[in-house]
Amino acid sequence: MKLPYLIISLLLLAMPSLAQDNNTKKAYGYGVTFMEEGDHMPDALYYLPAPPETGTEAFINDSLVYERGKRLRLTARGDTAVMDVNTSIPYYFKRFSPAVGKELTEEKYPVLAKTLRGVLQDVRGGIQHAKNTFARHRPYQHFKEGTPIPEDEYPTDYTSYPSGHTVRAWAAAMLLTAVFPEAGTEIMRIGHELGDSRTIVGFHYQSDVEAARHCAGAGFARLCGKKSFLEALMKCQEEAKK
């Protein structure tokens, strides 16, 4: 009779470590990585300049872009900006399909889907130290104004710089350009638009978005030094030809 209780106790003791491992693998919602134990993304805290301070010329520019974004919120572009909060693989595939000229789905392009998950996971990991350390207030917090996405607003989420959404969008555009080079111009245009959406909805400043594009480039370059990523990229290119 005591044996089942012993087994249950051992399982309960193991649960915290199992949960921690599971959370690590699912960081940022993708759960795939090209980074092996001991590998590191370039740390944005050490190569990005500090975000603009209030009253500087750069912050005035941030404020002007914020005001321009507010004027777009009641337009079709504003509607798109709200939808662009979605960073799932299916949404990215839908968003970039017109640029590629093909219907991108996980069913049709499973290798690309898995590779994209890994890219988004890894590049996002390179900015968290900077986001936490700079602890920049988001535009809606600074200006004390609401956004079109109230469910995503948090009064103490001081992680505006650099933009995580933009890092992922720009990295996704770079990967897709490598896979569909003939459509590269339009792919990058959409990638740029995805980042701009964050200024329209008031969750990021222009300088957050611009810094994030640098971070995406740094992260993507780091992945290009990984054999596992280059092999996956070649498989994506082969899949795209079918």
Protein backbone atom coordinates (compact mmCIF):
# COMPACT_ATOMS: atom_id res chain seq x y z
CA MET A 1 0.00 0.00 0.00
CA LYS A 2 2.89 2.35 0.64
CA LEU A 3 4.51 1.88 -2.79
CA PRO A 4 2.00 3.99 -4.77
CA TYR A 5 2.40 6.85 -2.29
CA LEU A 6 6.17 6.65 -2.70
CA ILE A 7 5.86 6.81 -6.47
CA ILE A 8 3.48 9.78 -6.27
CA SER A 9 5.85 11.59 -3.92
CA LEU A 10 8.78 11.11 -6.27
CA LEU A 11 6.73 12.39 -9.20
CA LEU A 12 5.69 15.47 -7.24
CA LEU A 13 9.31 16.20 -6.39
CA ALA A 14 10.26 15.96 -10.05
CA MET A 15 7.50 18.26 -11.29
CA PRO A 16 9.23 21.63 -10.66
CA SER A 17 12.31 20.71 -12.69
CA LEU A 18 10.18 19.25 -15.45
CA ALA A 19 8.06 22.38 -15.56
CA GLN A 20 11.15 24.58 -15.67
CA ASP A 21 12.57 22.62 -18.58
CA ASN A 22 9.25 22.82 -20.40
CA ASN A 23 9.03 26.59 -19.89
CA THR A 24 12.58 27.03 -21.18
CA LYS A 25 11.80 25.18 -24.37
CA LYS A 26 8.61 27.19 -24.91
CA ALA A 27 10.13 30.62 -24.30
CA TYR A 28 8.50 33.20 -26.58
CA GLY A 29 6.03 30.56 -27.75
CA TYR A 30 8.01 28.68 -30.42
CA GLY A 31 9.90 25.90 -28.68
CA VAL A 32 12.46 25.22 -31.43
CA THR A 33 16.07 26.38 -31.36
CA PHE A 34 19.26 26.14 -33.40
CA MET A 35 21.35 27.20 -30.40
CA GLU A 36 23.12 24.42 -28.57
CA GLU A 37 24.00 24.47 -24.88
CA GLY A 38 26.67 27.11 -24.36
CA ASP A 39 25.74 29.05 -27.52
CA HIS A 40 24.66 32.65 -27.24
CA MET A 41 22.99 35.20 -29.45
CA PRO A 42 24.76 38.58 -29.67
CA ASP A 43 23.61 40.44 -26.55
CA ALA A 44 21.82 43.62 -27.63
CA LEU A 45 22.58 45.31 -24.31
CA TYR A 46 26.24 45.57 -25.29
CA TYR A 47 25.97 46.76 -28.89
CA LEU A 48 22.86 48.95 -28.93
CA PRO A 49 23.03 52.59 -27.84
CA ALA A 50 20.76 53.53 -24.96
CA PRO A 51 17.24 54.58 -26.00
CA PRO A 52 16.65 58.31 -26.55
CA GLU A 53 16.03 60.35 -23.42
CA THR A 54 13.01 62.61 -23.06
CA GLY A 55 13.67 66.05 -24.50
CA THR A 56 16.33 65.00 -26.98
CA GLU A 57 15.98 65.44 -30.72
CA ALA A 58 15.68 61.68 -31.15
CA PHE A 59 12.82 61.53 -28.64
CA ILE A 60 11.05 64.39 -30.40
CA ASN A 61 11.20 62.31 -33.58
CA ASP A 62 9.82 59.33 -31.65
CA SER A 63 6.96 61.54 -30.45
CA LEU A 64 6.17 62.79 -33.94
CA VAL A 65 6.03 59.25 -35.31
CA TYR A 66 3.78 58.27 -32.40
CA GLU A 67 1.36 61.11 -33.21
CA ARG A 68 1.36 60.18 -36.88
CA GLY A 69 0.60 56.59 -35.93
CA LYS A 70 -2.39 57.65 -33.85
CA ARG A 71 -3.89 59.35 -36.88
CA LEU A 72 -3.71 56.07 -38.79
CA ARG A 73 -5.57 54.03 -36.21
CA LEU A 74 -9.00 54.67 -37.70
CA THR A 75 -7.86 53.74 -41.21
CA ALA A 76 -7.40 50.41 -42.96
CA ARG A 77 -3.70 50.65 -42.14
CA GLY A 78 -4.62 50.91 -38.49
CA ASP A 79 -6.74 47.76 -38.75
CA THR A 80 -3.77 45.92 -40.23
CA ALA A 81 -1.52 47.20 -37.45
CA VAL A 82 -3.85 45.69 -34.86
CA MET A 83 -3.80 42.33 -36.64
CA ASP A 84 -0.01 42.49 -36.82
CA VAL A 85 0.19 41.91 -33.06
CA ASN A 86 -0.06 38.23 -34.03
CA THR A 87 3.39 36.62 -34.24
CA SER A 88 2.26 33.04 -34.88
CA ILE A 89 3.67 31.00 -37.74
CA PRO A 90 0.27 30.73 -39.49
CA TYR A 91 -0.15 34.52 -39.34
CA TYR A 92 3.31 35.20 -40.72
CA PHE A 93 2.69 32.71 -43.51
CA LYS A 94 -0.59 34.44 -44.37
CA ARG A 95 1.01 37.89 -44.19
CA PHE A 96 3.93 37.03 -46.48
CA SER A 97 2.04 34.80 -48.95
CA PRO A 98 1.12 37.67 -51.31
CA ALA A 99 4.77 38.70 -51.51
CA VAL A 100 5.93 35.18 -52.31
CA GLY A 101 3.10 34.57 -54.77
CA LYS A 102 2.30 31.24 -53.14
CA GLU A 103 -0.02 30.12 -50.39
CA LEU A 104 2.32 29.49 -47.47
CA THR A 105 0.89 27.02 -44.95
CA GLU A 106 2.44 24.71 -42.40
CA GLU A 107 0.97 21.74 -44.27
CA LYS A 108 2.58 22.71 -47.59
CA TYR A 109 5.85 23.97 -46.12
CA PRO A 110 6.55 22.01 -42.92
CA VAL A 111 10.34 22.44 -43.10
CA LEU A 112 10.03 26.19 -43.55
CA ALA A 113 7.55 26.37 -40.68
CA LYS A 114 9.88 24.54 -38.31
CA THR A 115 12.89 26.58 -39.42
CA LEU A 116 11.00 29.83 -38.96
CA ARG A 117 10.01 28.77 -35.45
CA GLY A 118 13.66 28.25 -34.60
CA VAL A 119 14.72 31.57 -36.08
CA LEU A 120 12.04 33.51 -34.20
CA GLN A 121 12.86 31.73 -30.97
CA ASP A 122 16.57 32.43 -31.21
CA VAL A 123 16.63 36.03 -32.39
CA ARG A 124 14.08 37.00 -29.74
CA GLY A 125 16.38 35.58 -27.08
CA GLY A 126 19.14 38.04 -27.95
CA ILE A 127 17.21 41.14 -26.85
CA GLN A 128 15.69 40.24 -23.49
CA HIS A 129 18.72 41.38 -21.47
CA ALA A 130 18.52 44.78 -23.16
CA LYS A 131 14.76 45.08 -22.73
CA ASN A 132 14.97 44.35 -19.02
CA THR A 133 18.01 46.55 -18.37
CA PHE A 134 16.98 49.63 -20.36
CA ALA A 135 13.45 49.25 -18.94
CA ARG A 136 12.03 51.88 -21.25
CA HIS A 137 8.42 52.93 -20.78
CA ARG A 138 6.17 52.19 -23.71
CA PRO A 139 4.56 55.10 -25.59
CA TYR A 140 1.08 54.47 -24.18
CA GLN A 141 2.59 54.51 -20.68
CA HIS A 142 4.60 57.69 -21.24
CA PHE A 143 1.77 59.63 -22.89
CA LYS A 144 -0.87 58.05 -20.63
CA GLU A 145 -3.12 57.22 -23.55
CA GLY A 146 -4.97 54.06 -24.50
CA THR A 147 -4.21 51.83 -27.48
CA PRO A 148 -6.32 49.85 -29.97
CA ILE A 149 -5.23 46.69 -28.11
CA PRO A 150 -6.22 47.37 -24.47
CA GLU A 151 -5.95 43.70 -23.53
CA ASP A 152 -2.19 43.88 -24.12
CA GLU A 153 -1.63 46.98 -22.01
CA TYR A 154 0.22 46.57 -18.71
CA PRO A 155 1.04 49.53 -16.44
CA THR A 156 4.47 48.22 -15.39
CA ASP A 157 5.66 46.46 -18.55
CA TYR A 158 8.71 48.65 -19.11
CA THR A 159 10.25 46.68 -21.98
CA SER A 160 9.78 48.94 -24.98
CA TYR A 161 13.38 48.98 -26.26
CA PRO A 162 14.07 47.18 -28.54
CA SER A 163 10.82 45.89 -30.05
CA GLY A 164 10.38 42.12 -29.78
CA HIS A 165 7.65 42.04 -32.43
CA THR A 166 9.92 43.85 -34.88
CA VAL A 167 12.87 41.56 -34.21
CA ARG A 168 10.74 38.59 -35.14
CA ALA A 169 9.13 40.25 -38.16
CA TRP A 170 12.46 41.39 -39.62
CA ALA A 171 14.07 38.00 -38.99
CA ALA A 172 11.12 36.27 -40.64
CA ALA A 173 11.51 38.55 -43.68
CA MET A 174 15.23 37.76 -43.90
CA LEU A 175 14.62 34.02 -43.75
CA LEU A 176 11.89 34.17 -46.39
CA THR A 177 14.09 36.32 -48.62
CA ALA A 178 16.79 33.66 -48.39
CA VAL A 179 14.26 30.99 -49.36
CA PHE A 180 12.42 33.01 -52.04
CA PRO A 181 15.10 35.47 -53.24
CA GLU A 182 13.17 36.48 -56.35
CA ALA A 183 10.49 37.96 -54.09
CA GLY A 184 12.94 39.59 -51.70
CA THR A 185 11.94 43.21 -52.29
CA GLU A 186 8.27 42.67 -51.50
CA ILE A 187 9.06 40.33 -48.61
CA MET A 188 11.25 42.95 -46.97
CA ARG A 189 8.62 45.63 -47.58
CA ILE A 190 6.09 43.60 -45.63
CA GLY A 191 8.67 42.89 -42.92
CA HIS A 192 9.23 46.63 -42.62
CA GLU A 193 5.48 47.23 -42.45
CA LEU A 194 5.11 44.73 -39.61
CA GLY A 195 7.59 46.72 -37.54
CA ASP A 196 5.89 50.02 -38.34
CA SER A 197 2.63 48.56 -37.06
CA ARG A 198 4.06 48.65 -33.55
CA THR A 199 4.38 52.44 -33.66
CA ILE A 200 0.85 52.81 -35.02
CA VAL A 201 -0.73 50.91 -32.13
CA GLY A 202 1.39 52.81 -29.59
CA PHE A 203 3.35 49.93 -28.14
CA HIS A 204 6.75 51.04 -29.45
CA TYR A 205 8.65 54.14 -30.44
CA GLN A 206 10.30 54.47 -33.83
CA SER A 207 13.71 54.09 -32.18
CA ASP A 208 12.54 50.80 -30.60
CA VAL A 209 11.65 49.50 -34.04
CA GLU A 210 14.85 50.67 -35.73
CA ALA A 211 17.00 49.14 -32.98
CA ALA A 212 15.09 45.88 -33.31
CA ARG A 213 15.91 45.61 -37.00
CA HIS A 214 19.60 45.84 -36.12
CA CYS A 215 19.09 43.10 -33.54
CA ALA A 216 17.33 40.86 -36.04
CA GLY A 217 20.24 41.28 -38.44
CA ALA A 218 22.74 40.43 -35.70
CA GLY A 219 20.78 37.38 -34.66
CA PHE A 220 20.30 36.14 -38.21
CA ALA A 221 24.02 36.55 -38.89
CA ARG A 222 24.75 34.49 -35.79
CA LEU A 223 22.49 31.73 -37.04
CA CYS A 224 24.32 31.75 -40.37
CA GLY A 225 27.34 30.57 -38.42
CA LYS A 226 25.46 27.47 -37.28
CA LYS A 227 25.76 24.37 -39.43
CA SER A 228 22.36 23.16 -38.26
CA PHE A 229 20.70 26.36 -39.45
CA LEU A 230 22.45 26.36 -42.83
CA GLU A 231 21.38 22.76 -43.38
CA ALA A 232 17.79 23.69 -42.50
CA LEU A 233 17.95 26.67 -44.85
CA MET A 234 19.04 24.43 -47.73
CA LYS A 235 16.13 22.10 -47.00
CA CYS A 236 13.76 25.09 -47.03
CA GLN A 237 15.08 26.12 -50.43
CA GLU A 238 14.60 22.60 -51.77
CA GLU A 239 11.08 22.50 -50.36
CA ALA A 240 10.28 25.84 -52.03
CA LYS A 241 11.10 24.39 -55.46
CA LYS A 242 8.55 21.61 -55.24
